[in-house]
């Protein structure tokens, strides 16, 4: 999925072809788990909202507004990272489904 400060990179046709050619179910499962891990970026949202509440209680409206701004930026970042990660996850799911379906076939007749 690549290394990027904003989450996984945009999936390309070459990426899809490489994933669909993969026969390593452990690697596909690891990719799927890695794609799901991008939701952990939402921690910044929780911390920013908590900080905004504390700043508001301390009567620091400037700090509270700054913290809310960080929460909004964090939310938008999580949305984009999850959108891209879901694309990678969907392709891994499709490949795992095909591998599972082919495992159920009789090798001699290629039918169930």
PDB file of N, CA and C in Angstrom:
ATOM      1  N   UNK A   1       0.817  -1.191   0.000  1.00  0.00           N
ATOM      2  CA  UNK A   1       0.000   0.000   0.000  1.00  0.00           C
ATOM      3  C   UNK A   1       0.858   1.250   0.000  1.00  0.00           C
ATOM      4  N   UNK A   2       2.122   1.088   0.224  1.00  0.00           N
ATOM      5  CA  UNK A   2       3.026   2.213   0.176  1.00  0.00           C
ATOM      6  C   UNK A   2       3.092   2.971   1.482  1.00  0.00           C
ATOM      7  N   UNK A   3       4.060   3.840   1.561  1.00  0.00           N
ATOM      8  CA  UNK A   3       4.259   4.656   2.748  1.00  0.00           C
ATOM      9  C   UNK A   3       3.879   6.082   2.395  1.00  0.00           C
ATOM     10  N   UNK A   4       2.980   6.636   3.170  1.00  0.00           N
ATOM     11  CA  UNK A   4       2.514   7.988   2.934  1.00  0.00           C
ATOM     12  C   UNK A   4       2.022   8.567   4.253  1.00  0.00           C
ATOM     13  N   UNK A   5       2.312   9.837   4.516  1.00  0.00           N
ATOM     14  CA  UNK A   5       1.816  10.415   5.764  1.00  0.00           C
ATOM     15  C   UNK A   5       0.296  10.552   5.786  1.00  0.00           C
ATOM     16  N   UNK A   6      -0.343  10.456   4.633  1.00  0.00           N
ATOM     17  CA  UNK A   6      -1.795  10.603   4.561  1.00  0.00           C
ATOM     18  C   UNK A   6      -2.500   9.265   4.372  1.00  0.00           C
ATOM     19  N   UNK A   7      -1.833   8.177   4.694  1.00  0.00           N
ATOM     20  CA  UNK A   7      -2.467   6.874   4.547  1.00  0.00           C
ATOM     21  C   UNK A   7      -1.960   6.158   3.311  1.00  0.00           C
ATOM     22  N   UNK A   8      -2.650   5.114   2.894  1.00  0.00           N
ATOM     23  CA  UNK A   8      -2.183   4.345   1.737  1.00  0.00           C
ATOM     24  C   UNK A   8      -2.263   5.172   0.461  1.00  0.00           C
ATOM     25  N   UNK A   9      -1.392   4.840  -0.474  1.00  0.00           N
ATOM     26  CA  UNK A   9      -1.443   5.556  -1.753  1.00  0.00           C
ATOM     27  C   UNK A   9      -2.628   5.063  -2.572  1.00  0.00           C
ATOM     28  N   UNK A  10      -2.983   5.807  -3.575  1.00  0.00           N
ATOM     29  CA  UNK A  10      -4.102   5.436  -4.453  1.00  0.00           C
ATOM     30  C   UNK A  10      -3.760   4.136  -5.179  1.00  0.00           C
ATOM     31  N   UNK A  11      -4.665   3.197  -5.195  1.00  0.00           N
ATOM     32  CA  UNK A  11      -4.434   1.912  -5.853  1.00  0.00           C
ATOM     33  C   UNK A  11      -4.446   2.094  -7.375  1.00  0.00           C
ATOM     34  N   UNK A  12      -3.583   1.358  -8.060  1.00  0.00           N
ATOM     35  CA  UNK A  12      -3.496   1.431  -9.520  1.00  0.00           C
ATOM     36  C   UNK A  12      -3.900   0.092 -10.128  1.00  0.00           C
ATOM     37  N   UNK A  13      -4.059   0.082 -11.431  1.00  0.00           N
ATOM     38  CA  UNK A  13      -4.400  -1.156 -12.140  1.00  0.00           C
ATOM     39  C   UNK A  13      -3.294  -2.203 -11.946  1.00  0.00           C
ATOM     40  N   UNK A  14      -2.036  -1.749 -11.942  1.00  0.00           N
ATOM     41  CA  UNK A  14      -0.909  -2.670 -11.730  1.00  0.00           C
ATOM     42  C   UNK A  14      -0.978  -3.303 -10.339  1.00  0.00           C
ATOM     43  N   UNK A  15      -1.391  -2.521  -9.348  1.00  0.00           N
ATOM     44  CA  UNK A  15      -1.552  -3.053  -7.993  1.00  0.00           C
ATOM     45  C   UNK A  15      -2.628  -4.131  -7.965  1.00  0.00           C
ATOM     46  N   UNK A  16      -3.748  -3.851  -8.617  1.00  0.00           N
ATOM     47  CA  UNK A  16      -4.854  -4.817  -8.671  1.00  0.00           C
ATOM     48  C   UNK A  16      -4.385  -6.101  -9.342  1.00  0.00           C
ATOM     49  N   UNK A  17      -3.670  -5.964 -10.465  1.00  0.00           N
ATOM     50  CA  UNK A  17      -3.167  -7.150 -11.172  1.00  0.00           C
ATOM     51  C   UNK A  17      -2.219  -7.965 -10.298  1.00  0.00           C
ATOM     52  N   UNK A  18      -1.345  -7.275  -9.547  1.00  0.00           N
ATOM     53  CA  UNK A  18      -0.398  -7.979  -8.673  1.00  0.00           C
ATOM     54  C   UNK A  18      -1.126  -8.708  -7.549  1.00  0.00           C
ATOM     55  N   UNK A  19      -2.117  -8.068  -6.966  1.00  0.00           N
ATOM     56  CA  UNK A  19      -2.871  -8.711  -5.881  1.00  0.00           C
ATOM     57  C   UNK A  19      -3.650  -9.906  -6.421  1.00  0.00           C
ATOM     58  N   UNK A  20      -4.254  -9.755  -7.583  1.00  0.00           N
ATOM     59  CA  UNK A  20      -5.054 -10.845  -8.150  1.00  0.00           C
ATOM     60  C   UNK A  20      -4.187 -12.019  -8.600  1.00  0.00           C
ATOM     61  N   UNK A  21      -2.887 -11.795  -8.784  1.00  0.00           N
ATOM     62  CA  UNK A  21      -1.977 -12.883  -9.164  1.00  0.00           C
ATOM     63  C   UNK A  21      -1.374 -13.570  -7.939  1.00  0.00           C
ATOM     64  N   UNK A  22      -1.595 -13.012  -6.761  1.00  0.00           N
ATOM     65  CA  UNK A  22      -1.000 -13.540  -5.532  1.00  0.00           C
ATOM     66  C   UNK A  22      -1.711 -14.825  -5.093  1.00  0.00           C
ATOM     67  N   UNK A  23      -0.915 -15.817  -4.683  1.00  0.00           N
ATOM     68  CA  UNK A  23      -1.460 -17.079  -4.172  1.00  0.00           C
ATOM     69  C   UNK A  23      -1.172 -17.255  -2.689  1.00  0.00           C
ATOM     70  N   UNK A  24      -0.497 -16.288  -2.078  1.00  0.00           N
ATOM     71  CA  UNK A  24      -0.106 -16.366  -0.676  1.00  0.00           C
ATOM     72  C   UNK A  24      -1.228 -15.800   0.197  1.00  0.00           C
ATOM     73  N   UNK A  25      -2.042 -16.699   0.763  1.00  0.00           N
ATOM     74  CA  UNK A  25      -3.182 -16.244   1.569  1.00  0.00           C
ATOM     75  C   UNK A  25      -2.740 -15.500   2.825  1.00  0.00           C
ATOM     76  N   UNK A  26      -1.598 -15.873   3.383  1.00  0.00           N
ATOM     77  CA  UNK A  26      -1.109 -15.166   4.574  1.00  0.00           C
ATOM     78  C   UNK A  26      -0.761 -13.718   4.234  1.00  0.00           C
ATOM     79  N   UNK A  27      -0.132 -13.505   3.093  1.00  0.00           N
ATOM     80  CA  UNK A  27       0.214 -12.141   2.678  1.00  0.00           C
ATOM     81  C   UNK A  27      -1.047 -11.327   2.399  1.00  0.00           C
ATOM     82  N   UNK A  28      -2.035 -11.952   1.784  1.00  0.00           N
ATOM     83  CA  UNK A  28      -3.289 -11.255   1.506  1.00  0.00           C
ATOM     84  C   UNK A  28      -4.022 -10.898   2.803  1.00  0.00           C
ATOM     85  N   UNK A  29      -4.011 -11.821   3.753  1.00  0.00           N
ATOM     86  CA  UNK A  29      -4.650 -11.552   5.041  1.00  0.00           C
ATOM     87  C   UNK A  29      -3.920 -10.427   5.776  1.00  0.00           C
ATOM     88  N   UNK A  30      -2.599 -10.424   5.680  1.00  0.00           N
ATOM     89  CA  UNK A  30      -1.813  -9.358   6.315  1.00  0.00           C
ATOM     90  C   UNK A  30      -2.128  -8.007   5.661  1.00  0.00           C
ATOM     91  N   UNK A  31      -2.266  -7.983   4.347  1.00  0.00           N
ATOM     92  CA  UNK A  31      -2.613  -6.748   3.645  1.00  0.00           C
ATOM     93  C   UNK A  31      -3.987  -6.250   4.096  1.00  0.00           C
ATOM     94  N   UNK A  32      -4.911  -7.176   4.238  1.00  0.00           N
ATOM     95  CA  UNK A  32      -6.258  -6.823   4.688  1.00  0.00           C
ATOM     96  C   UNK A  32      -6.221  -6.235   6.099  1.00  0.00           C
ATOM     97  N   UNK A  33      -5.443  -6.829   6.981  1.00  0.00           N
ATOM     98  CA  UNK A  33      -5.323  -6.324   8.352  1.00  0.00           C
ATOM     99  C   UNK A  33      -4.645  -4.960   8.365  1.00  0.00           C
ATOM    100  N   UNK A  34      -3.635  -4.792   7.546  1.00  0.00           N
ATOM    101  CA  UNK A  34      -2.935  -3.513   7.450  1.00  0.00           C
ATOM    102  C   UNK A  34      -3.894  -2.430   6.954  1.00  0.00           C
ATOM    103  N   UNK A  35      -4.736  -2.763   5.984  1.00  0.00           N
ATOM    104  CA  UNK A  35      -5.705  -1.793   5.474  1.00  0.00           C
ATOM    105  C   UNK A  35      -6.687  -1.377   6.570  1.00  0.00           C
ATOM    106  N   UNK A  36      -7.089  -2.306   7.390  1.00  0.00           N
ATOM    107  CA  UNK A  36      -8.021  -1.986   8.482  1.00  0.00           C
ATOM    108  C   UNK A  36      -7.360  -1.131   9.564  1.00  0.00           C
ATOM    109  N   UNK A  37      -6.043  -1.207   9.691  1.00  0.00           N
ATOM    110  CA  UNK A  37      -5.351  -0.484  10.752  1.00  0.00           C
ATOM    111  C   UNK A  37      -5.398   1.026  10.555  1.00  0.00           C
ATOM    112  N   UNK A  38      -5.738   1.502   9.392  1.00  0.00           N
ATOM    113  CA  UNK A  38      -5.767   2.944   9.159  1.00  0.00           C
ATOM    114  C   UNK A  38      -6.851   3.638   9.966  1.00  0.00           C
ATOM    115  N   UNK A  39      -7.789   2.905  10.523  1.00  0.00           N
ATOM    116  CA  UNK A  39      -8.790   3.551  11.367  1.00  0.00           C
ATOM    117  C   UNK A  39      -8.163   4.049  12.662  1.00  0.00           C
ATOM    118  N   UNK A  40      -7.016   3.501  13.032  1.00  0.00           N
ATOM    119  CA  UNK A  40      -6.349   3.924  14.262  1.00  0.00           C
ATOM    120  C   UNK A  40      -5.934   5.386  14.207  1.00  0.00           C
ATOM    121  N   UNK A  41      -5.879   5.965  13.019  1.00  0.00           N
ATOM    122  CA  UNK A  41      -5.558   7.382  12.882  1.00  0.00           C
ATOM    123  C   UNK A  41      -6.612   8.254  13.558  1.00  0.00           C
ATOM    124  N   UNK A  42      -7.755   7.690  13.871  1.00  0.00           N
ATOM    125  CA  UNK A  42      -8.827   8.475  14.482  1.00  0.00           C
ATOM    126  C   UNK A  42      -8.508   8.893  15.910  1.00  0.00           C
ATOM    127  N   UNK A  43      -7.420   8.403  16.468  1.00  0.00           N
ATOM    128  CA  UNK A  43      -7.023   8.798  17.812  1.00  0.00           C
ATOM    129  C   UNK A  43      -6.810  10.298  17.943  1.00  0.00           C
ATOM    130  N   UNK A  44      -6.334  10.934  16.871  1.00  0.00           N
ATOM    131  CA  UNK A  44      -6.137  12.378  16.908  1.00  0.00           C
ATOM    132  C   UNK A  44      -7.462  13.115  17.085  1.00  0.00           C
ATOM    133  N   UNK A  45      -8.510  12.571  16.540  1.00  0.00           N
ATOM    134  CA  UNK A  45      -9.828  13.195  16.680  1.00  0.00           C
ATOM    135  C   UNK A  45     -10.242  13.169  18.150  1.00  0.00           C
ATOM    136  N   UNK A  46     -10.101  12.016  18.775  1.00  0.00           N
ATOM    137  CA  UNK A  46     -10.496  11.856  20.176  1.00  0.00           C
ATOM    138  C   UNK A  46      -9.674  12.784  21.067  1.00  0.00           C
ATOM    139  N   UNK A  47      -8.364  12.821  20.850  1.00  0.00           N
ATOM    140  CA  UNK A  47      -7.511  13.676  21.673  1.00  0.00           C
ATOM    141  C   UNK A  47      -7.832  15.156  21.460  1.00  0.00           C
ATOM    142  N   UNK A  48      -8.115  15.546  20.225  1.00  0.00           N
ATOM    143  CA  UNK A  48      -8.425  16.948  19.944  1.00  0.00           C
ATOM    144  C   UNK A  48      -9.749  17.375  20.570  1.00  0.00           C
ATOM    145  N   UNK A  49     -10.744  16.524  20.507  1.00  0.00           N
ATOM    146  CA  UNK A  49     -12.032  16.847  21.120  1.00  0.00           C
ATOM    147  C   UNK A  49     -11.880  16.945  22.639  1.00  0.00           C
ATOM    148  N   UNK A  50     -11.129  16.031  23.212  1.00  0.00           N
ATOM    149  CA  UNK A  50     -10.866  16.098  24.649  1.00  0.00           C
ATOM    150  C   UNK A  50     -10.135  17.380  25.022  1.00  0.00           C
ATOM    151  N   UNK A  51      -9.151  17.735  24.215  1.00  0.00           N
ATOM    152  CA  UNK A  51      -8.421  18.982  24.449  1.00  0.00           C
ATOM    153  C   UNK A  51      -9.314  20.203  24.327  1.00  0.00           C
ATOM    154  N   UNK A  52     -10.246  20.168  23.366  1.00  0.00           N
ATOM    155  CA  UNK A  52     -11.182  21.285  23.188  1.00  0.00           C
ATOM    156  C   UNK A  52     -12.082  21.422  24.417  1.00  0.00           C
ATOM    157  N   UNK A  53     -12.531  20.295  24.942  1.00  0.00           N
ATOM    158  CA  UNK A  53     -13.378  20.334  26.144  1.00  0.00           C
ATOM    159  C   UNK A  53     -12.613  20.908  27.332  1.00  0.00           C
ATOM    160  N   UNK A  54     -11.381  20.468  27.504  1.00  0.00           N
ATOM    161  CA  UNK A  54     -10.569  20.976  28.611  1.00  0.00           C
ATOM    162  C   UNK A  54     -10.298  22.466  28.431  1.00  0.00           C
ATOM    163  N   UNK A  55      -9.971  22.879  27.218  1.00  0.00           N
ATOM    164  CA  UNK A  55      -9.710  24.294  26.953  1.00  0.00           C
ATOM    165  C   UNK A  55     -10.962  25.142  27.185  1.00  0.00           C
ATOM    166  N   UNK A  56     -12.110  24.611  26.806  1.00  0.00           N
ATOM    167  CA  UNK A  56     -13.358  25.353  27.029  1.00  0.00           C
ATOM    168  C   UNK A  56     -13.643  25.495  28.518  1.00  0.00           C
ATOM    169  N   UNK A  57     -13.419  24.431  29.274  1.00  0.00           N
ATOM    170  CA  UNK A  57     -13.625  24.497  30.719  1.00  0.00           C
ATOM    171  C   UNK A  57     -12.638  25.455  31.386  1.00  0.00           C
ATOM    172  N   UNK A  58     -11.447  25.583  30.798  1.00  0.00           N
ATOM    173  CA  UNK A  58     -10.436  26.491  31.336  1.00  0.00           C
ATOM    174  C   UNK A  58     -10.628  27.914  30.799  1.00  0.00           C
ATOM    175  N   UNK A  59     -11.703  28.117  30.067  1.00  0.00           N
ATOM    176  CA  UNK A  59     -12.030  29.434  29.485  1.00  0.00           C
ATOM    177  C   UNK A  59     -10.922  29.937  28.564  1.00  0.00           C
ATOM    178  N   UNK A  60     -10.501  29.053  27.707  1.00  0.00           N
ATOM    179  CA  UNK A  60      -9.500  29.365  26.690  1.00  0.00           C
ATOM    180  C   UNK A  60     -10.115  29.132  25.314  1.00  0.00           C
ATOM    181  N   UNK A  61     -10.962  30.041  24.837  1.00  0.00           N
ATOM    182  CA  UNK A  61     -11.671  29.804  23.570  1.00  0.00           C
ATOM    183  C   UNK A  61     -10.745  29.659  22.369  1.00  0.00           C
ATOM    184  N   UNK A  62      -9.629  30.360  22.361  1.00  0.00           N
ATOM    185  CA  UNK A  62      -8.687  30.226  21.240  1.00  0.00           C
ATOM    186  C   UNK A  62      -8.109  28.823  21.151  1.00  0.00           C
ATOM    187  N   UNK A  63      -7.734  28.287  22.310  1.00  0.00           N
ATOM    188  CA  UNK A  63      -7.204  26.921  22.351  1.00  0.00           C
ATOM    189  C   UNK A  63      -8.290  25.917  21.961  1.00  0.00           C
ATOM    190  N   UNK A  64      -9.494  26.162  22.435  1.00  0.00           N
ATOM    191  CA  UNK A  64     -10.602  25.250  22.114  1.00  0.00           C
ATOM    192  C   UNK A  64     -10.859  25.237  20.610  1.00  0.00           C
ATOM    193  N   UNK A  65     -10.858  26.423  19.994  1.00  0.00           N
ATOM    194  CA  UNK A  65     -11.094  26.484  18.544  1.00  0.00           C
ATOM    195  C   UNK A  65      -9.961  25.806  17.769  1.00  0.00           C
ATOM    196  N   UNK A  66      -8.724  25.983  18.250  1.00  0.00           N
ATOM    197  CA  UNK A  66      -7.590  25.316  17.611  1.00  0.00           C
ATOM    198  C   UNK A  66      -7.711  23.802  17.697  1.00  0.00           C
ATOM    199  N   UNK A  67      -8.129  23.324  18.860  1.00  0.00           N
ATOM    200  CA  UNK A  67      -8.297  21.879  19.041  1.00  0.00           C
ATOM    201  C   UNK A  67      -9.416  21.343  18.153  1.00  0.00           C
ATOM    202  N   UNK A  68     -10.496  22.109  18.023  1.00  0.00           N
ATOM    203  CA  UNK A  68     -11.585  21.689  17.126  1.00  0.00           C
ATOM    204  C   UNK A  68     -11.094  21.652  15.678  1.00  0.00           C
ATOM    205  N   UNK A  69     -10.273  22.633  15.316  1.00  0.00           N
ATOM    206  CA  UNK A  69      -9.686  22.629  13.967  1.00  0.00           C
ATOM    207  C   UNK A  69      -8.852  21.387  13.718  1.00  0.00           C
ATOM    208  N   UNK A  70      -8.069  20.987  14.722  1.00  0.00           N
ATOM    209  CA  UNK A  70      -7.286  19.752  14.600  1.00  0.00           C
ATOM    210  C   UNK A  70      -8.193  18.531  14.482  1.00  0.00           C
ATOM    211  N   UNK A  71      -9.290  18.521  15.227  1.00  0.00           N
ATOM    212  CA  UNK A  71     -10.227  17.394  15.157  1.00  0.00           C
ATOM    213  C   UNK A  71     -10.830  17.291  13.758  1.00  0.00           C
ATOM    214  N   UNK A  72     -11.196  18.432  13.182  1.00  0.00           N
ATOM    215  CA  UNK A  72     -11.765  18.426  11.821  1.00  0.00           C
ATOM    216  C   UNK A  72     -10.724  17.934  10.819  1.00  0.00           C
ATOM    217  N   UNK A  73      -9.500  18.461  10.918  1.00  0.00           N
ATOM    218  CA  UNK A  73      -8.438  18.021  10.008  1.00  0.00           C
ATOM    219  C   UNK A  73      -8.173  16.525  10.173  1.00  0.00           C
ATOM    220  N   UNK A  74      -8.150  16.062  11.426  1.00  0.00           N
ATOM    221  CA  UNK A  74      -7.952  14.633  11.678  1.00  0.00           C
ATOM    222  C   UNK A  74      -9.077  13.797  11.098  1.00  0.00           C
ATOM    223  N   UNK A  75     -10.303  14.277  11.237  1.00  0.00           N
ATOM    224  CA  UNK A  75     -11.450  13.557  10.686  1.00  0.00           C
ATOM    225  C   UNK A  75     -11.371  13.434   9.178  1.00  0.00           C
ATOM    226  N   UNK A  76     -11.012  14.528   8.517  1.00  0.00           N
ATOM    227  CA  UNK A  76     -10.890  14.480   7.060  1.00  0.00           C
ATOM    228  C   UNK A  76      -9.764  13.548   6.632  1.00  0.00           C
ATOM    229  N   UNK A  77      -8.666  13.556   7.401  1.00  0.00           N
ATOM    230  CA  UNK A  77      -7.562  12.639   7.100  1.00  0.00           C
ATOM    231  C   UNK A  77      -7.966  11.186   7.247  1.00  0.00           C
ATOM    232  N   UNK A  78      -8.712  10.886   8.291  1.00  0.00           N
ATOM    233  CA  UNK A  78      -9.179   9.504   8.518  1.00  0.00           C
ATOM    234  C   UNK A  78     -10.126   9.073   7.398  1.00  0.00           C
ATOM    235  N   UNK A  79     -11.015   9.962   7.003  1.00  0.00           N
ATOM    236  CA  UNK A  79     -11.959   9.622   5.929  1.00  0.00           C
ATOM    237  C   UNK A  79     -11.208   9.260   4.655  1.00  0.00           C
ATOM    238  N   UNK A  80     -10.210  10.078   4.274  1.00  0.00           N
ATOM    239  CA  UNK A  80      -9.466   9.813   3.044  1.00  0.00           C
ATOM    240  C   UNK A  80      -8.618   8.550   3.164  1.00  0.00           C
ATOM    241  N   UNK A  81      -7.956   8.371   4.300  1.00  0.00           N
ATOM    242  CA  UNK A  81      -7.134   7.171   4.489  1.00  0.00           C
ATOM    243  C   UNK A  81      -7.995   5.914   4.445  1.00  0.00           C
ATOM    244  N   UNK A  82      -9.147   5.944   5.089  1.00  0.00           N
ATOM    245  CA  UNK A  82     -10.037   4.772   5.084  1.00  0.00           C
ATOM    246  C   UNK A  82     -10.600   4.512   3.687  1.00  0.00           C
ATOM    247  N   UNK A  83     -10.889   5.575   2.934  1.00  0.00           N
ATOM    248  CA  UNK A  83     -11.409   5.387   1.575  1.00  0.00           C
ATOM    249  C   UNK A  83     -10.379   4.644   0.733  1.00  0.00           C
ATOM    250  N   UNK A  84      -9.138   5.094   0.791  1.00  0.00           N
ATOM    251  CA  UNK A  84      -8.091   4.428   0.009  1.00  0.00           C
ATOM    252  C   UNK A  84      -7.820   3.016   0.524  1.00  0.00           C
ATOM    253  N   UNK A  85      -7.791   2.856   1.837  1.00  0.00           N
ATOM    254  CA  UNK A  85      -7.529   1.533   2.421  1.00  0.00           C
ATOM    255  C   UNK A  85      -8.627   0.548   2.051  1.00  0.00           C
ATOM    256  N   UNK A  86      -9.867   1.013   1.997  1.00  0.00           N
ATOM    257  CA  UNK A  86     -10.979   0.123   1.635  1.00  0.00           C
ATOM    258  C   UNK A  86     -10.830  -0.390   0.196  1.00  0.00           C
ATOM    259  N   UNK A  87     -10.255   0.406  -0.695  1.00  0.00           N
ATOM    260  CA  UNK A  87     -10.022  -0.060  -2.058  1.00  0.00           C
ATOM    261  C   UNK A  87      -9.034  -1.229  -2.058  1.00  0.00           C
ATOM    262  N   UNK A  88      -7.943  -1.077  -1.311  1.00  0.00           N
ATOM    263  CA  UNK A  88      -6.956  -2.155  -1.201  1.00  0.00           C
ATOM    264  C   UNK A  88      -7.584  -3.389  -0.550  1.00  0.00           C
ATOM    265  N   UNK A  89      -8.347  -3.172   0.491  1.00  0.00           N
ATOM    266  CA  UNK A  89      -8.982  -4.269   1.213  1.00  0.00           C
ATOM    267  C   UNK A  89      -9.972  -5.015   0.320  1.00  0.00           C
ATOM    268  N   UNK A  90     -10.707  -4.279  -0.496  1.00  0.00           N
ATOM    269  CA  UNK A  90     -11.697  -4.912  -1.379  1.00  0.00           C
ATOM    270  C   UNK A  90     -11.017  -5.834  -2.395  1.00  0.00           C
ATOM    271  N   UNK A  91      -9.892  -5.413  -2.923  1.00  0.00           N
ATOM    272  CA  UNK A  91      -9.181  -6.256  -3.893  1.00  0.00           C
ATOM    273  C   UNK A  91      -8.621  -7.494  -3.192  1.00  0.00           C
ATOM    274  N   UNK A  92      -8.080  -7.322  -1.996  1.00  0.00           N
ATOM    275  CA  UNK A  92      -7.579  -8.479  -1.235  1.00  0.00           C
ATOM    276  C   UNK A  92      -8.721  -9.435  -0.914  1.00  0.00           C
ATOM    277  N   UNK A  93      -9.889  -8.898  -0.545  1.00  0.00           N
ATOM    278  CA  UNK A  93     -11.067  -9.746  -0.285  1.00  0.00           C
ATOM    279  C   UNK A  93     -11.470 -10.525  -1.531  1.00  0.00           C
ATOM    280  N   UNK A  94     -11.455  -9.840  -2.672  1.00  0.00           N
ATOM    281  CA  UNK A  94     -11.836 -10.504  -3.925  1.00  0.00           C
ATOM    282  C   UNK A  94     -10.881 -11.652  -4.228  1.00  0.00           C
ATOM    283  N   UNK A  95      -9.584 -11.420  -4.050  1.00  0.00           N
ATOM    284  CA  UNK A  95      -8.607 -12.473  -4.331  1.00  0.00           C
ATOM    285  C   UNK A  95      -8.742 -13.631  -3.341  1.00  0.00           C
ATOM    286  N   UNK A  96      -8.934 -13.307  -2.066  1.00  0.00           N
ATOM    287  CA  UNK A  96      -9.128 -14.370  -1.081  1.00  0.00           C
ATOM    288  C   UNK A  96     -10.386 -15.180  -1.399  1.00  0.00           C
ATOM    289  N   UNK A  97     -11.432 -14.512  -1.860  1.00  0.00           N
ATOM    290  CA  UNK A  97     -12.653 -15.213  -2.241  1.00  0.00           C
ATOM    291  C   UNK A  97     -12.428 -16.153  -3.413  1.00  0.00           C
ATOM    292  N   UNK A  98     -11.654 -15.704  -4.403  1.00  0.00           N
ATOM    293  CA  UNK A  98     -11.351 -16.561  -5.549  1.00  0.00           C
ATOM    294  C   UNK A  98     -10.498 -17.754  -5.135  1.00  0.00           C
ATOM    295  N   UNK A  99      -9.526 -17.507  -4.263  1.00  0.00           N
ATOM    296  CA  UNK A  99      -8.690 -18.621  -3.796  1.00  0.00           C
ATOM    297  C   UNK A  99      -9.513 -19.623  -2.999  1.00  0.00           C
ATOM    298  N   UNK A 100     -10.444 -19.123  -2.188  1.00  0.00           N
ATOM    299  CA  UNK A 100     -11.317 -20.005  -1.414  1.00  0.00           C
ATOM    300  C   UNK A 100     -12.218 -20.815  -2.338  1.00  0.00           C
ATOM    301  N   UNK A 101     -12.757 -20.171  -3.352  1.00  0.00           N
ATOM    302  CA  UNK A 101     -13.644 -20.873  -4.287  1.00  0.00           C
ATOM    303  C   UNK A 101     -12.880 -21.937  -5.072  1.00  0.00           C
ATOM    304  N   UNK A 102     -11.641 -21.627  -5.479  1.00  0.00           N
ATOM    305  CA  UNK A 102     -10.869 -22.611  -6.248  1.00  0.00           C
ATOM    306  C   UNK A 102     -10.410 -23.765  -5.369  1.00  0.00           C
ATOM    307  N   UNK A 103     -10.281 -23.534  -4.047  1.00  0.00           N
ATOM    308  CA  UNK A 103      -9.902 -24.610  -3.137  1.00  0.00           C
ATOM    309  C   UNK A 103     -11.009 -25.626  -2.984  1.00  0.00           C
ATOM    310  N   UNK A 104     -12.254 -25.196  -3.207  1.00  0.00           N
ATOM    311  CA  UNK A 104     -13.404 -26.084  -3.090  1.00  0.00           C
ATOM    312  C   UNK A 104     -13.621 -26.939  -4.334  1.00  0.00           C
ATOM    313  N   UNK A 105     -12.868 -26.665  -5.394  1.00  0.00           N
ATOM    314  CA  UNK A 105     -13.043 -27.429  -6.636  1.00  0.00           C
ATOM    315  C   UNK A 105     -12.221 -28.709  -6.629  1.00  0.00           C
ATOM    316  N   UNK A 106     -12.745 -29.722  -7.288  1.00  0.00           N
ATOM    317  CA  UNK A 106     -12.029 -30.979  -7.459  1.00  0.00           C
ATOM    318  C   UNK A 106     -10.966 -30.755  -8.552  1.00  0.00           C
ATOM    319  N   UNK A 107      -9.687 -30.924  -8.243  1.00  0.00           N
ATOM    320  CA  UNK A 107      -8.641 -30.632  -9.231  1.00  0.00           C
ATOM    321  C   UNK A 107      -8.768 -31.461 -10.511  1.00  0.00           C
ATOM    322  N   UNK A 108      -9.327 -32.648 -10.402  1.00  0.00           N
ATOM    323  CA  UNK A 108      -9.434 -33.507 -11.575  1.00  0.00           C
ATOM    324  C   UNK A 108     -10.487 -33.010 -12.559  1.00  0.00           C
ATOM    325  N   UNK A 109     -11.579 -32.489 -12.036  1.00  0.00           N
ATOM    326  CA  UNK A 109     -12.669 -32.064 -12.926  1.00  0.00           C
ATOM    327  C   UNK A 109     -12.885 -30.551 -12.939  1.00  0.00           C
ATOM    328  N   UNK A 110     -12.229 -29.833 -11.994  1.00  0.00           N
ATOM    329  CA  UNK A 110     -12.401 -28.375 -11.835  1.00  0.00           C
ATOM    330  C   UNK A 110     -13.865 -28.010 -11.598  1.00  0.00           C
ATOM    331  N   UNK A 111     -14.593 -28.906 -10.937  1.00  0.00           N
ATOM    332  CA  UNK A 111     -15.975 -28.627 -10.549  1.00  0.00           C
ATOM    333  C   UNK A 111     -16.149 -29.061  -9.094  1.00  0.00           C
ATOM    334  N   UNK A 112     -17.191 -28.551  -8.419  1.00  0.00           N
ATOM    335  CA  UNK A 112     -17.399 -28.906  -7.003  1.00  0.00           C
ATOM    336  C   UNK A 112     -17.646 -30.365  -6.763  1.00  0.00           C
TER     337      UNK A 112
END
